[in-house]
Protein backbone atom coordinates (compact mmCIF):
# COMPACT_ATOMS: atom_id res chain seq x y z
CA UNK A 1 -10.82 33.53 15.95
CA UNK A 2 -9.24 35.85 18.45
CA UNK A 3 -5.69 37.01 18.37
CA UNK A 4 -5.26 37.39 14.64
CA UNK A 5 -7.12 38.30 11.56
CA UNK A 6 -6.84 37.25 7.94
CA UNK A 7 -7.72 39.54 5.10
CA UNK A 8 -9.64 37.17 2.74
CA UNK A 9 -8.99 39.30 -0.32
CA UNK A 10 -5.25 39.43 0.32
CA UNK A 11 -5.13 35.76 1.21
CA UNK A 12 -7.02 34.89 -2.01
CA UNK A 13 -4.46 36.92 -3.94
CA UNK A 14 -1.63 35.09 -2.23
CA UNK A 15 -3.25 31.77 -3.07
CA UNK A 16 -3.60 32.76 -6.71
CA UNK A 17 0.00 33.91 -6.90
CA UNK A 18 1.24 30.66 -5.33
CA UNK A 19 -0.87 28.63 -7.76
CA UNK A 20 0.69 30.57 -10.63
CA UNK A 21 4.23 30.10 -9.29
CA UNK A 22 3.64 26.35 -8.85
CA UNK A 23 2.29 26.09 -12.39
CA UNK A 24 5.34 27.88 -13.75
CA UNK A 25 7.64 25.64 -11.71
CA UNK A 26 5.89 22.55 -12.96
CA UNK A 27 6.26 23.76 -16.53
CA UNK A 28 9.96 24.57 -15.99
CA UNK A 29 10.59 21.12 -14.60
CA UNK A 30 9.01 19.72 -17.76
CA UNK A 31 11.23 21.88 -19.91
CA UNK A 32 14.27 20.84 -17.96
CA UNK A 33 13.50 17.19 -18.68
CA UNK A 34 13.39 18.03 -22.37
CA UNK A 35 16.68 19.95 -22.12
CA UNK A 36 18.28 16.93 -20.40
CA UNK A 37 17.18 14.67 -23.20
CA UNK A 38 18.43 17.04 -25.89
CA UNK A 39 21.71 17.82 -24.15
CA UNK A 40 22.56 14.21 -23.46
CA UNK A 41 21.64 12.89 -26.88
CA UNK A 42 24.51 11.19 -28.68
CA UNK A 43 24.32 13.87 -31.36
CA UNK A 44 24.86 16.71 -28.88
CA UNK A 45 26.97 15.38 -26.01
CA UNK A 46 30.58 16.25 -26.70
CA UNK A 47 32.26 15.71 -23.36
CA UNK A 48 33.19 12.84 -21.13
CA UNK A 49 31.37 11.84 -17.96
CA UNK A 50 27.92 11.68 -19.54
CA UNK A 51 26.67 9.23 -16.98
CA UNK A 52 27.91 11.38 -14.10
CA UNK A 53 26.21 14.43 -15.54
CA UNK A 54 22.99 12.45 -16.11
CA UNK A 55 23.03 11.32 -12.47
CA UNK A 56 23.64 14.88 -11.21
CA UNK A 57 20.94 16.31 -13.47
CA UNK A 58 18.49 13.62 -12.31
CA UNK A 59 19.24 14.59 -8.71
CA UNK A 60 18.59 18.24 -9.57
CA UNK A 61 15.25 17.35 -11.20
CA UNK A 62 14.31 15.28 -8.12
CA UNK A 63 15.13 18.24 -5.88
CA UNK A 64 12.99 20.55 -8.10
CA UNK A 65 10.12 18.10 -7.96
CA UNK A 66 10.43 17.99 -4.18
CA UNK A 67 10.32 21.77 -4.09
CA UNK A 68 7.19 21.71 -6.19
CA UNK A 69 5.59 19.12 -3.92
CA UNK A 70 6.47 21.18 -0.85
CA UNK A 71 4.87 24.20 -2.50
CA UNK A 72 1.69 22.20 -3.20
CA UNK A 73 1.56 21.16 0.48
CA UNK A 74 2.01 24.80 1.51
CA UNK A 75 -0.74 25.85 -0.91
CA UNK A 76 -3.14 23.24 0.49
CA UNK A 77 -2.35 24.35 4.04
CA UNK A 78 -2.87 28.00 3.18
CA UNK A 79 -6.20 27.23 1.46
CA UNK A 80 -7.27 25.26 4.56
CA UNK A 81 -6.29 28.05 6.96
CA UNK A 82 -8.16 30.62 4.94
CA UNK A 83 -11.26 28.46 4.57
CA UNK A 84 -11.27 27.65 8.25
CA UNK A 85 -10.85 31.27 9.22
CA UNK A 86 -13.69 32.38 6.94
CA UNK A 87 -15.94 29.57 8.19
CA UNK A 88 -15.26 30.45 11.85
CA UNK A 89 -15.76 34.19 11.31
CA UNK A 90 -19.31 33.72 10.04
């Protein structure tokens, strides 16, 4: 492919790093769900507006999930570009 070059070793490292980041983000989203349940339990919630907070927190978790999904799409695209480049350079 003329006009650009991809360093397969560096691209592979970038893919591995992105996979690690996405795994950590997925785990953090899971932990946040647990925190929400603990925080909003009747034993722990001390303030008013519990439903409002629950709604805002759910919107935050949805945004985090969307970020993760976007990262997965980016990872798949990056993997495809690298694989295509390597295939076409042979």
